[in-house]
Amino acid sequence: MKKSIQYSLLTAFLVFSTFINLNAQPHPGEQSGTGTVNGGRIGNSPAGAPIGSGTFMLIGLAAAYSVRKVQMLRAAAEEE
């Protein structure tokens, strides 16, 4: 009985949480009240927000993860 209530609540939460986010998003440069956004672009890039540093962080984390996995595999091979 308790498991069925938990599953029912989880299912209801997942179903209703998707409906909450179905509101239409405003177009870029507009607010939700159909007014235009005051001010210019954010940042110095003419194409939008810079993503270079985020890409380097992601690559660095992926490299650290792969080094750790290799170390774990070598340690496991030495134990055998």
Protein backbone atom coordinates (compact mmCIF):
# COMPACT_ATOMS: atom_id res chain seq x y z
CA MET A 1 0.00 0.00 0.00
CA LYS A 2 2.75 2.41 0.93
CA LYS A 3 4.69 1.70 -2.29
CA SER A 4 1.61 2.31 -4.42
CA ILE A 5 1.07 5.71 -2.79
CA GLN A 6 4.72 6.60 -3.37
CA TYR A 7 4.54 5.58 -7.02
CA SER A 8 1.27 7.48 -7.46
CA LEU A 9 2.74 10.65 -5.95
CA LEU A 10 5.89 10.34 -8.06
CA THR A 11 3.87 9.83 -11.23
CA ALA A 12 1.60 12.77 -10.41
CA PHE A 13 4.62 14.98 -9.72
CA LEU A 14 6.29 14.04 -13.01
CA VAL A 15 3.11 14.59 -15.01
CA PHE A 16 2.22 17.94 -13.46
CA SER A 17 5.78 19.26 -13.46
CA THR A 18 5.85 19.02 -17.25
CA PHE A 19 2.67 21.11 -17.54
CA ILE A 20 4.11 23.90 -15.41
CA ASN A 21 6.90 24.58 -17.92
CA LEU A 22 4.67 24.71 -21.00
CA ASN A 23 4.36 28.49 -20.91
CA ALA A 24 5.51 30.11 -24.12
CA GLN A 25 8.88 31.80 -23.80
CA PRO A 26 9.24 35.33 -25.15
CA HIS A 27 11.28 35.96 -28.28
CA PRO A 28 14.85 37.14 -27.77
CA GLY A 29 14.88 40.87 -27.14
CA GLU A 30 11.34 40.95 -25.74
CA GLN A 31 9.95 40.67 -22.25
CA SER A 32 6.97 38.53 -21.31
CA GLY A 33 4.72 41.63 -21.39
CA THR A 34 5.54 42.14 -25.11
CA GLY A 35 7.75 45.12 -24.29
CA THR A 36 11.22 45.44 -25.71
CA VAL A 37 14.26 44.97 -23.53
CA ASN A 38 16.13 48.18 -22.73
CA GLY A 39 19.88 48.19 -23.26
CA GLY A 40 22.29 46.55 -25.62
CA ARG A 41 23.96 43.20 -25.77
CA ILE A 42 25.56 41.65 -22.74
CA GLY A 43 29.30 41.22 -23.19
CA ASN A 44 31.62 42.34 -25.97
CA SER A 45 30.98 39.51 -28.39
CA PRO A 46 28.90 40.54 -31.43
CA ALA A 47 27.51 37.02 -31.79
CA GLY A 48 26.17 36.64 -28.26
CA ALA A 49 27.45 35.23 -25.00
CA PRO A 50 31.01 33.86 -24.94
CA ILE A 51 31.19 30.11 -24.34
CA GLY A 52 34.93 29.56 -24.77
CA SER A 53 35.82 29.38 -21.08
CA GLY A 54 32.96 26.98 -20.40
CA THR A 55 34.17 24.72 -23.19
CA PHE A 56 37.68 24.68 -21.75
CA MET A 57 36.30 23.86 -18.31
CA LEU A 58 34.30 20.96 -19.74
CA ILE A 59 37.33 19.62 -21.62
CA GLY A 60 39.47 19.93 -18.48
CA LEU A 61 36.93 18.04 -16.37
CA ALA A 62 36.65 15.33 -19.02
CA ALA A 63 40.44 14.97 -19.08
CA ALA A 64 40.60 14.74 -15.28
CA TYR A 65 37.84 12.12 -15.29
CA SER A 66 39.59 10.03 -17.93
CA VAL A 67 42.93 10.21 -16.06
CA ARG A 68 41.18 9.02 -12.90
CA LYS A 69 39.53 6.14 -14.75
CA VAL A 70 42.88 5.06 -16.22
CA GLN A 71 44.46 5.15 -12.75
CA MET A 72 41.61 3.04 -11.36
CA LEU A 73 41.97 0.50 -14.19
CA ARG A 74 45.75 0.25 -13.66
CA ALA A 75 45.28 -0.22 -9.92
CA ALA A 76 42.72 -2.94 -10.54
CA ALA A 77 45.05 -4.68 -13.02
CA GLU A 78 47.94 -4.61 -10.52
CA GLU A 79 45.77 -6.24 -7.83
CA GLU A 80 45.00 -9.20 -10.06
